[in-house]
Protein backbone atom coordinates (compact mmCIF):
# COMPACT_ATOMS: atom_id res chain seq x y z
CA UNK A 1 11.84 40.60 41.73
CA UNK A 2 11.91 40.13 38.03
CA UNK A 3 9.12 41.04 35.68
CA UNK A 4 9.03 37.65 33.95
CA UNK A 5 5.55 36.52 33.21
CA UNK A 6 4.92 33.11 34.52
CA UNK A 7 3.43 30.72 32.05
CA UNK A 8 2.85 27.04 31.92
CA UNK A 9 4.24 27.03 28.39
CA UNK A 10 7.95 27.12 27.72
CA UNK A 11 9.63 29.09 24.95
CA UNK A 12 9.56 26.19 22.52
CA UNK A 13 5.81 25.73 22.78
CA UNK A 14 4.99 28.26 20.10
CA UNK A 15 7.97 27.18 17.98
CA UNK A 16 6.67 25.50 14.85
CA UNK A 17 9.75 23.33 14.38
CA UNK A 18 7.78 20.12 14.59
CA UNK A 19 6.49 19.29 11.14
CA UNK A 20 3.61 16.95 10.66
CA UNK A 21 4.18 14.17 8.20
CA UNK A 22 1.10 15.36 6.34
CA UNK A 23 3.00 18.55 5.53
CA UNK A 24 5.78 16.64 3.76
CA UNK A 25 3.35 14.27 2.03
CA UNK A 26 3.02 15.20 -1.65
CA UNK A 27 -0.43 15.32 -3.19
CA UNK A 28 0.48 12.45 -5.50
CA UNK A 29 1.17 10.22 -2.48
CA UNK A 30 -2.23 11.04 -1.00
CA UNK A 31 -3.89 10.23 -4.32
CA UNK A 32 -1.98 6.95 -4.61
CA UNK A 33 -2.82 6.01 -1.01
CA UNK A 34 -6.53 6.59 -1.57
CA UNK A 35 -6.41 4.84 -4.96
CA UNK A 36 -4.78 1.72 -3.53
CA UNK A 37 -7.13 1.67 -0.55
CA UNK A 38 -10.22 1.86 -2.77
CA UNK A 39 -8.84 -0.64 -5.30
CA UNK A 40 -8.00 -3.03 -2.45
CA UNK A 41 -11.55 -2.87 -1.16
CA UNK A 42 -12.94 -3.51 -4.65
CA UNK A 43 -10.49 -6.37 -5.13
CA UNK A 44 -11.51 -7.98 -1.85
CA UNK A 45 -15.20 -7.62 -2.67
CA UNK A 46 -14.63 -9.01 -6.17
CA UNK A 47 -12.75 -12.02 -4.83
CA UNK A 48 -15.43 -12.73 -2.25
CA UNK A 49 -18.15 -12.41 -4.90
CA UNK A 50 -16.34 -14.81 -7.22
CA UNK A 51 -15.88 -17.42 -4.50
CA UNK A 52 -19.51 -17.16 -3.39
CA UNK A 53 -21.02 -16.99 -6.87
CA UNK A 54 -18.94 -19.74 -8.49
CA UNK A 55 -18.04 -22.27 -5.78
CA UNK A 56 -17.84 -25.16 -8.26
CA UNK A 57 -15.20 -23.48 -10.41
CA UNK A 58 -12.96 -22.88 -7.41
CA UNK A 59 -13.75 -26.33 -5.93
CA UNK A 60 -14.80 -24.89 -2.60
CA UNK A 61 -16.60 -28.09 -1.70
CA UNK A 62 -13.24 -29.88 -1.54
CA UNK A 63 -10.88 -29.48 1.37
CA UNK A 64 -7.34 -29.36 0.07
CA UNK A 65 -4.31 -27.15 0.43
CA UNK A 66 -4.71 -25.47 -2.95
CA UNK A 67 -8.22 -24.23 -2.15
CA UNK A 68 -7.17 -22.96 1.26
CA UNK A 69 -4.13 -21.18 -0.20
CA UNK A 70 -6.22 -19.65 -2.98
CA UNK A 71 -8.81 -18.28 -0.57
CA UNK A 72 -6.16 -17.04 1.86
CA UNK A 73 -4.26 -15.14 -0.82
CA UNK A 74 -7.47 -13.72 -2.28
CA UNK A 75 -8.28 -12.25 1.12
CA UNK A 76 -4.80 -11.38 2.39
CA UNK A 77 -3.30 -9.65 -0.66
CA UNK A 78 -5.93 -6.87 -0.79
CA UNK A 79 -5.62 -6.40 2.97
CA UNK A 80 -1.84 -6.23 2.71
CA UNK A 81 -2.16 -3.56 0.02
CA UNK A 82 -4.75 -1.66 2.08
CA UNK A 83 -2.90 -1.49 5.40
CA UNK A 84 0.26 0.50 4.45
CA UNK A 85 -1.78 3.10 2.61
CA UNK A 86 -4.07 3.54 5.59
CA UNK A 87 -1.02 3.93 7.83
CA UNK A 88 0.41 6.55 5.45
CA UNK A 89 -2.78 8.58 5.72
CA UNK A 90 -2.64 8.17 9.51
CA UNK A 91 0.97 9.47 9.42
CA UNK A 92 2.58 6.49 11.15
CA UNK A 93 6.37 6.46 11.23
CA UNK A 94 6.82 2.96 9.77
CA UNK A 95 4.13 3.35 7.08
CA UNK A 96 6.43 4.30 4.21
CA UNK A 97 8.81 1.42 4.89
CA UNK A 98 5.89 -1.01 5.04
CA UNK A 99 4.50 0.44 1.80
CA UNK A 100 7.90 0.06 0.11
CA UNK A 101 8.08 -3.61 1.08
CA UNK A 102 4.50 -4.20 -0.05
CA UNK A 103 5.03 -2.49 -3.41
CA UNK A 104 8.30 -4.34 -4.03
CA UNK A 105 6.68 -7.71 -3.30
CA UNK A 106 3.71 -6.85 -5.52
CA UNK A 107 5.97 -5.80 -8.38
CA UNK A 108 8.00 -9.00 -8.11
CA UNK A 109 4.83 -11.08 -8.06
CA UNK A 110 3.47 -9.32 -11.17
CA UNK A 111 6.75 -9.81 -13.01
CA UNK A 112 6.81 -13.49 -12.04
CA UNK A 113 3.22 -14.16 -13.11
CA UNK A 114 3.82 -12.34 -16.39
CA UNK A 115 6.92 -14.44 -17.03
CA UNK A 116 5.05 -17.66 -16.24
CA UNK A 117 2.14 -16.59 -18.45
CA UNK A 118 4.38 -15.86 -21.42
CA UNK A 119 6.84 -18.72 -20.98
CA UNK A 120 4.34 -21.48 -20.36
CA UNK A 121 1.22 -20.09 -21.97
CA UNK A 122 -0.79 -20.85 -18.85
CA UNK A 123 -2.83 -17.66 -18.75
CA UNK A 124 -3.84 -15.37 -21.54
CA UNK A 125 -2.26 -12.11 -22.55
CA UNK A 126 -4.95 -10.25 -20.61
CA UNK A 127 -3.12 -11.27 -17.43
CA UNK A 128 0.15 -9.91 -18.82
CA UNK A 129 -1.54 -6.65 -19.87
CA UNK A 130 -3.09 -6.28 -16.42
CA UNK A 131 0.26 -6.93 -14.76
CA UNK A 132 1.96 -4.35 -16.98
CA UNK A 133 -0.74 -1.83 -16.09
CA UNK A 134 -0.20 -2.38 -12.36
CA UNK A 135 3.57 -2.18 -12.79
CA UNK A 136 3.19 1.15 -14.58
CA UNK A 137 0.97 2.39 -11.77
CA UNK A 138 3.37 1.18 -9.07
CA UNK A 139 6.62 2.59 -10.48
CA UNK A 140 5.81 6.28 -9.76
CA UNK A 141 4.40 5.28 -6.36
CA UNK A 142 7.65 3.49 -5.55
CA UNK A 143 9.68 6.53 -6.62
CA UNK A 144 7.59 8.86 -4.44
CA UNK A 145 7.98 6.54 -1.46
CA UNK A 146 11.75 6.33 -1.93
CA UNK A 147 12.07 10.11 -2.18
CA UNK A 148 10.25 10.91 1.06
CA UNK A 149 11.31 7.91 3.16
CA UNK A 150 14.12 9.58 5.13
CA UNK A 151 12.20 12.78 5.85
CA UNK A 152 9.11 10.76 6.77
CA UNK A 153 10.92 8.54 9.27
CA UNK A 154 12.65 11.51 10.91
CA UNK A 155 9.49 13.61 10.85
CA UNK A 156 11.14 16.66 9.38
CA UNK A 157 10.10 18.89 6.54
CA UNK A 158 11.86 19.44 3.27
CA UNK A 159 14.49 22.21 3.19
């Protein structure tokens, strides 16, 4: 008989080779995720308040496609910005890819609205300044997401 101790755990059980995604998540990414989650909640609340407080300005008493589209985007855009950041904090495999797509779409939308504002003079320069602010906030976030994407999806730590 051999003197092997019987155990329900195999040799690899105590091996710490499996790295949690939280371990490869930089502090800046956590800060950005929380920032975008909180700002999305405030944005959603602000949009709801504006639609409830000023229904005549937004023509909520009329039923047309523009009003429906306006309300839908005012509700969906903050939720779309909230979801990938929540998934990043929950360490889901596809969270970084979803966040990359969301950030890219947001950046394109801000560039487009800034261009329209400047070219046609539709909105004031406050809109352009706000869009530039959000672009400057999103660029480092995009870089962080691109840098950790491969390690995140494979679930491995940095060398």
